[in-house]
C-alpha atoms as a PDB file:
ATOM      1  CA  UNK A   1      -5.902  38.782 -19.831  1.00  0.00           C
ATOM      2  CA  UNK A   2      -5.494  41.728 -22.181  1.00  0.00           C
ATOM      3  CA  UNK A   3      -8.847  43.062 -23.299  1.00  0.00           C
ATOM      4  CA  UNK A   4      -9.507  45.194 -26.327  1.00  0.00           C
ATOM      5  CA  UNK A   5      -8.771  48.815 -25.507  1.00  0.00           C
ATOM      6  CA  UNK A   6     -11.802  51.036 -25.922  1.00  0.00           C
ATOM      7  CA  UNK A   7     -14.254  48.302 -24.937  1.00  0.00           C
ATOM      8  CA  UNK A   8     -14.603  46.745 -28.415  1.00  0.00           C
ATOM      9  CA  UNK A   9     -16.032  43.233 -28.571  1.00  0.00           C
ATOM     10  CA  UNK A  10     -16.419  40.330 -31.039  1.00  0.00           C
ATOM     11  CA  UNK A  11     -12.693  39.930 -31.728  1.00  0.00           C
ATOM     12  CA  UNK A  12     -11.412  39.109 -35.211  1.00  0.00           C
ATOM     13  CA  UNK A  13      -8.431  37.426 -33.542  1.00  0.00           C
ATOM     14  CA  UNK A  14      -8.374  35.797 -30.140  1.00  0.00           C
ATOM     15  CA  UNK A  15      -5.134  34.377 -28.747  1.00  0.00           C
ATOM     16  CA  UNK A  16      -4.932  32.523 -25.479  1.00  0.00           C
ATOM     17  CA  UNK A  17      -1.872  31.386 -23.539  1.00  0.00           C
ATOM     18  CA  UNK A  18       0.536  31.656 -26.463  1.00  0.00           C
ATOM     19  CA  UNK A  19       3.968  30.318 -25.553  1.00  0.00           C
ATOM     20  CA  UNK A  20       7.079  30.319 -27.729  1.00  0.00           C
ATOM     21  CA  UNK A  21      10.464  29.192 -26.506  1.00  0.00           C
ATOM     22  CA  UNK A  22      13.807  29.284 -28.262  1.00  0.00           C
ATOM     23  CA  UNK A  23      16.017  26.848 -26.412  1.00  0.00           C
ATOM     24  CA  UNK A  24      15.711  27.765 -22.761  1.00  0.00           C
ATOM     25  CA  UNK A  25      14.452  31.287 -23.442  1.00  0.00           C
ATOM     26  CA  UNK A  26      10.731  32.075 -23.332  1.00  0.00           C
ATOM     27  CA  UNK A  27       9.845  34.789 -25.862  1.00  0.00           C
ATOM     28  CA  UNK A  28       6.040  34.597 -25.642  1.00  0.00           C
ATOM     29  CA  UNK A  29       4.936  33.864 -22.084  1.00  0.00           C
ATOM     30  CA  UNK A  30       1.269  32.750 -21.883  1.00  0.00           C
ATOM     31  CA  UNK A  31       0.237  35.724 -24.019  1.00  0.00           C
ATOM     32  CA  UNK A  32      -3.465  36.638 -24.257  1.00  0.00           C
ATOM     33  CA  UNK A  33      -4.552  39.181 -26.852  1.00  0.00           C
ATOM     34  CA  UNK A  34      -7.726  40.066 -28.766  1.00  0.00           C
ATOM     35  CA  UNK A  35      -7.812  42.086 -31.985  1.00  0.00           C
ATOM     36  CA  UNK A  36     -11.100  43.707 -32.980  1.00  0.00           C
ATOM     37  CA  UNK A  37     -12.430  43.629 -36.559  1.00  0.00           C
ATOM     38  CA  UNK A  38     -11.333  46.711 -38.466  1.00  0.00           C
ATOM     39  CA  UNK A  39      -9.183  48.060 -35.636  1.00  0.00           C
ATOM     40  CA  UNK A  40      -5.677  49.371 -36.328  1.00  0.00           C
ATOM     41  CA  UNK A  41      -3.355  48.165 -33.558  1.00  0.00           C
ATOM     42  CA  UNK A  42       0.330  49.009 -33.241  1.00  0.00           C
ATOM     43  CA  UNK A  43       2.620  46.595 -31.406  1.00  0.00           C
ATOM     44  CA  UNK A  44       5.635  48.051 -29.605  1.00  0.00           C
ATOM     45  CA  UNK A  45       8.377  46.420 -27.562  1.00  0.00           C
ATOM     46  CA  UNK A  46      12.107  46.303 -27.027  1.00  0.00           C
ATOM     47  CA  UNK A  47      14.184  44.105 -29.295  1.00  0.00           C
ATOM     48  CA  UNK A  48      13.541  40.481 -28.393  1.00  0.00           C
ATOM     49  CA  UNK A  49      10.231  41.193 -26.662  1.00  0.00           C
ATOM     50  CA  UNK A  50       8.320  38.860 -28.996  1.00  0.00           C
ATOM     51  CA  UNK A  51       6.728  41.298 -31.476  1.00  0.00           C
ATOM     52  CA  UNK A  52       7.751  39.552 -34.684  1.00  0.00           C
ATOM     53  CA  UNK A  53       7.330  36.152 -33.022  1.00  0.00           C
ATOM     54  CA  UNK A  54       3.687  36.968 -32.292  1.00  0.00           C
ATOM     55  CA  UNK A  55       3.163  38.203 -35.826  1.00  0.00           C
ATOM     56  CA  UNK A  56       4.627  35.003 -37.289  1.00  0.00           C
ATOM     57  CA  UNK A  57       2.389  32.939 -35.017  1.00  0.00           C
ATOM     58  CA  UNK A  58      -0.736  34.757 -36.233  1.00  0.00           C
ATOM     59  CA  UNK A  59       0.441  34.373 -39.834  1.00  0.00           C
ATOM     60  CA  UNK A  60       0.893  30.607 -39.284  1.00  0.00           C
ATOM     61  CA  UNK A  61       4.539  30.932 -40.320  1.00  0.00           C
ATOM     62  CA  UNK A  62       5.835  29.676 -36.964  1.00  0.00           C
ATOM     63  CA  UNK A  63       4.399  26.274 -36.106  1.00  0.00           C
ATOM     64  CA  UNK A  64       6.270  25.810 -32.819  1.00  0.00           C
ATOM     65  CA  UNK A  65       3.979  28.061 -30.800  1.00  0.00           C
ATOM     66  CA  UNK A  66       1.738  26.440 -28.194  1.00  0.00           C
ATOM     67  CA  UNK A  67      -1.627  27.828 -27.180  1.00  0.00           C
ATOM     68  CA  UNK A  68      -4.279  29.099 -29.558  1.00  0.00           C
ATOM     69  CA  UNK A  69      -4.470  31.878 -32.092  1.00  0.00           C
ATOM     70  CA  UNK A  70      -7.655  31.849 -34.107  1.00  0.00           C
ATOM     71  CA  UNK A  71      -8.942  34.081 -36.878  1.00  0.00           C
ATOM     72  CA  UNK A  72     -12.569  34.321 -35.835  1.00  0.00           C
ATOM     73  CA  UNK A  73     -13.763  36.401 -38.783  1.00  0.00           C
ATOM     74  CA  UNK A  74     -13.772  34.634 -42.189  1.00  0.00           C
ATOM     75  CA  UNK A  75     -11.277  35.836 -44.731  1.00  0.00           C
ATOM     76  CA  UNK A  76      -7.623  35.807 -45.597  1.00  0.00           C
ATOM     77  CA  UNK A  77      -4.607  36.903 -43.601  1.00  0.00           C
ATOM     78  CA  UNK A  78      -2.005  39.011 -45.431  1.00  0.00           C
ATOM     79  CA  UNK A  79       1.508  39.938 -44.334  1.00  0.00           C
ATOM     80  CA  UNK A  80       3.658  42.924 -45.296  1.00  0.00           C
ATOM     81  CA  UNK A  81       7.344  42.776 -44.368  1.00  0.00           C
ATOM     82  CA  UNK A  82      10.085  45.416 -44.162  1.00  0.00           C
ATOM     83  CA  UNK A  83      11.441  43.953 -47.387  1.00  0.00           C
ATOM     84  CA  UNK A  84       8.786  44.123 -50.120  1.00  0.00           C
ATOM     85  CA  UNK A  85       9.655  40.550 -51.154  1.00  0.00           C
ATOM     86  CA  UNK A  86       8.628  41.114 -54.759  1.00  0.00           C
ATOM     87  CA  UNK A  87       9.651  38.477 -57.277  1.00  0.00           C
ATOM     88  CA  UNK A  88      12.300  40.277 -59.377  1.00  0.00           C
ATOM     89  CA  UNK A  89      11.473  38.324 -62.543  1.00  0.00           C
ATOM     90  CA  UNK A  90       7.752  39.195 -62.369  1.00  0.00           C
ATOM     91  CA  UNK A  91       6.208  42.522 -63.386  1.00  0.00           C
ATOM     92  CA  UNK A  92       4.241  44.721 -60.968  1.00  0.00           C
ATOM     93  CA  UNK A  93       0.725  43.541 -61.825  1.00  0.00           C
ATOM     94  CA  UNK A  94       1.731  39.880 -61.802  1.00  0.00           C
ATOM     95  CA  UNK A  95       3.393  40.371 -58.387  1.00  0.00           C
ATOM     96  CA  UNK A  96       0.164  41.877 -57.059  1.00  0.00           C
ATOM     97  CA  UNK A  97      -2.098  39.031 -58.217  1.00  0.00           C
ATOM     98  CA  UNK A  98       0.404  36.247 -57.536  1.00  0.00           C
ATOM     99  CA  UNK A  99      -1.515  33.252 -56.203  1.00  0.00           C
ATOM    100  CA  UNK A 100      -4.889  35.011 -56.454  1.00  0.00           C
ATOM    101  CA  UNK A 101      -7.346  32.511 -57.890  1.00  0.00           C
ATOM    102  CA  UNK A 102     -10.358  34.529 -58.944  1.00  0.00           C
ATOM    103  CA  UNK A 103     -11.979  35.076 -62.344  1.00  0.00           C
ATOM    104  CA  UNK A 104     -11.560  38.832 -61.929  1.00  0.00           C
ATOM    105  CA  UNK A 105      -7.988  38.648 -60.596  1.00  0.00           C
ATOM    106  CA  UNK A 106      -6.556  40.965 -63.243  1.00  0.00           C
ATOM    107  CA  UNK A 107      -9.269  43.598 -62.733  1.00  0.00           C
ATOM    108  CA  UNK A 108      -8.797  43.457 -58.970  1.00  0.00           C
ATOM    109  CA  UNK A 109      -5.049  43.744 -59.438  1.00  0.00           C
ATOM    110  CA  UNK A 110      -5.402  46.809 -61.658  1.00  0.00           C
ATOM    111  CA  UNK A 111      -7.624  48.484 -59.061  1.00  0.00           C
ATOM    112  CA  UNK A 112      -5.179  47.651 -56.280  1.00  0.00           C
ATOM    113  CA  UNK A 113      -2.231  49.076 -58.240  1.00  0.00           C
ATOM    114  CA  UNK A 114      -4.201  52.264 -58.865  1.00  0.00           C
ATOM    115  CA  UNK A 115      -5.180  52.490 -55.187  1.00  0.00           C
ATOM    116  CA  UNK A 116      -1.538  52.642 -54.124  1.00  0.00           C
ATOM    117  CA  UNK A 117      -0.766  55.373 -56.666  1.00  0.00           C
ATOM    118  CA  UNK A 118       1.029  53.285 -59.285  1.00  0.00           C
ATOM    119  CA  UNK A 119      -1.466  53.347 -62.165  1.00  0.00           C
ATOM    120  CA  UNK A 120       0.523  53.107 -65.392  1.00  0.00           C
ATOM    121  CA  UNK A 121       3.342  51.129 -63.769  1.00  0.00           C
ATOM    122  CA  UNK A 122       1.650  47.732 -64.025  1.00  0.00           C
ATOM    123  CA  UNK A 123       4.239  46.362 -66.442  1.00  0.00           C
ATOM    124  CA  UNK A 124       7.267  47.787 -64.648  1.00  0.00           C
ATOM    125  CA  UNK A 125       9.892  45.425 -63.235  1.00  0.00           C
ATOM    126  CA  UNK A 126      10.572  45.627 -59.484  1.00  0.00           C
ATOM    127  CA  UNK A 127      14.147  46.877 -60.059  1.00  0.00           C
ATOM    128  CA  UNK A 128      12.701  49.895 -61.885  1.00  0.00           C
ATOM    129  CA  UNK A 129      10.863  51.031 -58.739  1.00  0.00           C
ATOM    130  CA  UNK A 130      12.087  53.005 -55.748  1.00  0.00           C
ATOM    131  CA  UNK A 131      11.983  51.461 -52.292  1.00  0.00           C
ATOM    132  CA  UNK A 132       8.769  53.313 -51.481  1.00  0.00           C
ATOM    133  CA  UNK A 133       7.161  52.199 -54.741  1.00  0.00           C
ATOM    134  CA  UNK A 134       8.113  48.591 -54.030  1.00  0.00           C
ATOM    135  CA  UNK A 135       6.377  48.815 -50.660  1.00  0.00           C
ATOM    136  CA  UNK A 136       3.319  50.250 -52.411  1.00  0.00           C
ATOM    137  CA  UNK A 137       3.249  47.142 -54.583  1.00  0.00           C
ATOM    138  CA  UNK A 138       3.574  44.978 -51.454  1.00  0.00           C
ATOM    139  CA  UNK A 139       0.576  46.771 -49.915  1.00  0.00           C
ATOM    140  CA  UNK A 140      -1.438  46.289 -53.112  1.00  0.00           C
ATOM    141  CA  UNK A 141      -0.570  42.582 -53.120  1.00  0.00           C
ATOM    142  CA  UNK A 142      -1.705  42.258 -49.498  1.00  0.00           C
ATOM    143  CA  UNK A 143      -4.988  44.132 -49.888  1.00  0.00           C
ATOM    144  CA  UNK A 144      -6.073  42.738 -53.262  1.00  0.00           C
ATOM    145  CA  UNK A 145      -7.368  39.690 -51.374  1.00  0.00           C
ATOM    146  CA  UNK A 146      -9.502  41.835 -49.035  1.00  0.00           C
ATOM    147  CA  UNK A 147      -7.987  40.216 -45.925  1.00  0.00           C
ATOM    148  CA  UNK A 148      -9.754  40.144 -42.576  1.00  0.00           C
ATOM    149  CA  UNK A 149      -6.342  40.626 -40.926  1.00  0.00           C
ATOM    150  CA  UNK A 150      -3.318  42.549 -42.199  1.00  0.00           C
ATOM    151  CA  UNK A 151      -0.053  41.853 -40.373  1.00  0.00           C
ATOM    152  CA  UNK A 152       2.697  44.416 -40.982  1.00  0.00           C
ATOM    153  CA  UNK A 153       6.232  43.798 -39.701  1.00  0.00           C
ATOM    154  CA  UNK A 154       7.992  47.192 -39.733  1.00  0.00           C
ATOM    155  CA  UNK A 155       6.969  47.791 -43.370  1.00  0.00           C
ATOM    156  CA  UNK A 156       8.432  51.314 -43.474  1.00  0.00           C
ATOM    157  CA  UNK A 157      11.584  50.753 -41.427  1.00  0.00           C
ATOM    158  CA  UNK A 158      13.928  50.853 -44.423  1.00  0.00           C
ATOM    159  CA  UNK A 159      12.438  53.999 -45.991  1.00  0.00           C
ATOM    160  CA  UNK A 160      13.654  57.581 -45.675  1.00  0.00           C
ATOM    161  CA  UNK A 161      11.719  59.984 -43.459  1.00  0.00           C
ATOM    162  CA  UNK A 162       9.730  61.762 -46.186  1.00  0.00           C
ATOM    163  CA  UNK A 163       8.789  58.517 -47.918  1.00  0.00           C
ATOM    164  CA  UNK A 164       7.668  57.095 -44.574  1.00  0.00           C
ATOM    165  CA  UNK A 165       5.313  60.036 -44.046  1.00  0.00           C
ATOM    166  CA  UNK A 166       3.792  59.463 -47.489  1.00  0.00           C
ATOM    167  CA  UNK A 167       3.408  55.766 -46.758  1.00  0.00           C
ATOM    168  CA  UNK A 168       1.742  56.556 -43.431  1.00  0.00           C
ATOM    169  CA  UNK A 169      -0.854  58.660 -45.255  1.00  0.00           C
ATOM    170  CA  UNK A 170      -1.378  55.901 -47.824  1.00  0.00           C
ATOM    171  CA  UNK A 171      -1.807  53.189 -45.194  1.00  0.00           C
ATOM    172  CA  UNK A 172      -4.343  55.310 -43.273  1.00  0.00           C
ATOM    173  CA  UNK A 173      -6.315  55.812 -46.489  1.00  0.00           C
ATOM    174  CA  UNK A 174      -6.196  52.126 -47.433  1.00  0.00           C
ATOM    175  CA  UNK A 175      -7.214  51.036 -43.945  1.00  0.00           C
ATOM    176  CA  UNK A 176     -10.179  53.423 -43.957  1.00  0.00           C
ATOM    177  CA  UNK A 177     -11.278  52.036 -47.332  1.00  0.00           C
ATOM    178  CA  UNK A 178     -10.802  48.295 -46.746  1.00  0.00           C
ATOM    179  CA  UNK A 179     -11.148  48.082 -42.932  1.00  0.00           C
ATOM    180  CA  UNK A 180      -9.093  44.993 -42.178  1.00  0.00           C
ATOM    181  CA  UNK A 181      -7.923  44.435 -38.639  1.00  0.00           C
ATOM    182  CA  UNK A 182      -4.285  45.619 -38.696  1.00  0.00           C
ATOM    183  CA  UNK A 183      -1.440  44.591 -36.414  1.00  0.00           C
ATOM    184  CA  UNK A 184       1.570  46.822 -37.109  1.00  0.00           C
ATOM    185  CA  UNK A 185       4.900  45.867 -35.539  1.00  0.00           C
ATOM    186  CA  UNK A 186       7.089  48.932 -35.076  1.00  0.00           C
ATOM    187  CA  UNK A 187       9.940  50.230 -32.925  1.00  0.00           C
ATOM    188  CA  UNK A 188       8.797  53.821 -33.514  1.00  0.00           C
ATOM    189  CA  UNK A 189       6.495  55.302 -30.859  1.00  0.00           C
ATOM    190  CA  UNK A 190       5.697  58.290 -33.061  1.00  0.00           C
ATOM    191  CA  UNK A 191       4.726  55.991 -35.944  1.00  0.00           C
ATOM    192  CA  UNK A 192       2.434  54.054 -33.621  1.00  0.00           C
ATOM    193  CA  UNK A 193       0.743  57.245 -32.428  1.00  0.00           C
ATOM    194  CA  UNK A 194       0.413  58.596 -35.976  1.00  0.00           C
ATOM    195  CA  UNK A 195      -1.312  55.488 -37.331  1.00  0.00           C
ATOM    196  CA  UNK A 196      -2.951  53.347 -34.681  1.00  0.00           C
ATOM    197  CA  UNK A 197      -6.271  53.394 -32.842  1.00  0.00           C
ATOM    198  CA  UNK A 198      -4.712  51.217 -30.164  1.00  0.00           C
ATOM    199  CA  UNK A 199      -1.157  50.542 -28.998  1.00  0.00           C
ATOM    200  CA  UNK A 200       0.004  47.377 -27.250  1.00  0.00           C
ATOM    201  CA  UNK A 201       3.420  47.177 -25.599  1.00  0.00           C
ATOM    202  CA  UNK A 202       5.001  43.761 -25.115  1.00  0.00           C
ATOM    203  CA  UNK A 203       7.192  43.363 -22.044  1.00  0.00           C
ATOM    204  CA  UNK A 204       8.964  40.047 -21.448  1.00  0.00           C
ATOM    205  CA  UNK A 205       6.592  38.184 -23.737  1.00  0.00           C
ATOM    206  CA  UNK A 206       3.402  39.541 -22.185  1.00  0.00           C
ATOM    207  CA  UNK A 207       1.194  42.599 -22.650  1.00  0.00           C
ATOM    208  CA  UNK A 208       2.696  45.307 -20.468  1.00  0.00           C
ATOM    209  CA  UNK A 209       0.474  48.156 -21.634  1.00  0.00           C
ATOM    210  CA  UNK A 210      -2.655  48.317 -23.786  1.00  0.00           C
ATOM    211  CA  UNK A 211      -4.061  51.783 -24.542  1.00  0.00           C
ATOM    212  CA  UNK A 212      -6.588  53.325 -26.906  1.00  0.00           C
ATOM    213  CA  UNK A 213      -5.321  56.241 -29.011  1.00  0.00           C
ATOM    214  CA  UNK A 214      -8.293  58.591 -28.872  1.00  0.00           C
ATOM    215  CA  UNK A 215      -6.834  61.477 -30.846  1.00  0.00           C
ATOM    216  CA  UNK A 216      -8.183  63.505 -33.786  1.00  0.00           C
ATOM    217  CA  UNK A 217      -6.660  63.153 -37.239  1.00  0.00           C
ATOM    218  CA  UNK A 218      -4.235  64.570 -38.230  1.00  0.00           C
ATOM    219  CA  UNK A 219      -2.416  64.108 -34.938  1.00  0.00           C
ATOM    220  CA  UNK A 220      -0.058  66.968 -34.058  1.00  0.00           C
ATOM    221  CA  UNK A 221       2.758  65.798 -31.804  1.00  0.00           C
ATOM    222  CA  UNK A 222       2.365  68.879 -29.598  1.00  0.00           C
ATOM    223  CA  UNK A 223      -1.206  67.941 -28.627  1.00  0.00           C
ATOM    224  CA  UNK A 224      -1.028  67.477 -24.819  1.00  0.00           C
ATOM    225  CA  UNK A 225      -2.867  64.152 -25.092  1.00  0.00           C
ATOM    226  CA  UNK A 226      -0.341  62.906 -27.644  1.00  0.00           C
ATOM    227  CA  UNK A 227       2.533  64.050 -25.436  1.00  0.00           C
ATOM    228  CA  UNK A 228       1.019  62.213 -22.470  1.00  0.00           C
ATOM    229  CA  UNK A 229       0.510  59.011 -24.471  1.00  0.00           C
ATOM    230  CA  UNK A 230       4.024  59.203 -25.875  1.00  0.00           C
ATOM    231  CA  UNK A 231       5.445  59.520 -22.361  1.00  0.00           C
ATOM    232  CA  UNK A 232       3.399  56.520 -21.160  1.00  0.00           C
ATOM    233  CA  UNK A 233       4.528  54.378 -24.081  1.00  0.00           C
ATOM    234  CA  UNK A 234       8.184  55.321 -23.700  1.00  0.00           C
ATOM    235  CA  UNK A 235       7.995  54.592 -19.982  1.00  0.00           C
ATOM    236  CA  UNK A 236       6.500  51.149 -20.689  1.00  0.00           C
ATOM    237  CA  UNK A 237       9.441  50.564 -23.022  1.00  0.00           C
ATOM    238  CA  UNK A 238      11.884  51.528 -20.269  1.00  0.00           C
ATOM    239  CA  UNK A 239      12.827  54.833 -21.886  1.00  0.00           C
ATOM    240  CA  UNK A 240      12.668  58.184 -20.105  1.00  0.00           C
ATOM    241  CA  UNK A 241      13.107  61.608 -21.675  1.00  0.00           C
ATOM    242  CA  UNK A 242      15.195  64.229 -19.925  1.00  0.00           C
ATOM    243  CA  UNK A 243      13.459  67.564 -19.592  1.00  0.00           C
ATOM    244  CA  UNK A 244      14.422  69.665 -22.597  1.00  0.00           C
ATOM    245  CA  UNK A 245      16.325  66.838 -24.233  1.00  0.00           C
ATOM    246  CA  UNK A 246      15.675  66.034 -27.881  1.00  0.00           C
ATOM    247  CA  UNK A 247      16.475  62.335 -27.575  1.00  0.00           C
ATOM    248  CA  UNK A 248      15.158  59.768 -25.098  1.00  0.00           C
ATOM    249  CA  UNK A 249      17.417  58.500 -22.319  1.00  0.00           C
ATOM    250  CA  UNK A 250      17.395  54.701 -21.891  1.00  0.00           C
ATOM    251  CA  UNK A 251      17.161  53.138 -18.464  1.00  0.00           C
ATOM    252  CA  UNK A 252      20.338  52.035 -16.755  1.00  0.00           C
ATOM    253  CA  UNK A 253      21.654  48.915 -18.457  1.00  0.00           C
ATOM    254  CA  UNK A 254      19.848  49.646 -21.734  1.00  0.00           C
ATOM    255  CA  UNK A 255      21.690  50.326 -24.971  1.00  0.00           C
ATOM    256  CA  UNK A 256      20.528  52.709 -27.654  1.00  0.00           C
END
């Protein structure tokens, strides 16, 4: 069983023996995983390792998963996708509070829009926003409900490098303020190390590596501890870096 790295207890999410098959292929193979309240966890794995499948199971989007996945802390679950999934015919503020049934929904929406740096753009249409701004709206929509668990499926994968760095800083700030448990699916080891307190690597539908990221913030890549962690994570993913090479070398049989 995978325990919570760093010795944290009282999990916000506890999954036991999760299994998901597609035809004759097992994608999640009796997966056990705990997520601690308020902890930021990054989920790495090769393509097809079950990352997004696990996320959909926790979001209750996939109903063909056997086993158990329970949200043990009361509150909502929010999901942020790579595509912002804003309704194009609805303005920014209305996208943020969509489905929020609370007497102070508008006030909460205005605060959420301001938190993501878009104060004054409440009445903008989605097509008037850049890709990064659309993802800011998606984050505001997810956090306006004060979720106990935030699931993020490669939310910055479609953004350019500079915008991604800005979004990393924003997500760190929002997480520190709201403290949901976060499960971030990413293919990017450096993104995982920049954001997460814990990194889990899925291998063949199971937890292959589970490590705490005990590094100061900001996290310079040249820190020897960061270099060591990066090497461990890449190795768990089946990727090895040649000495002096600027790009990782995949294992035999792997494609880039």
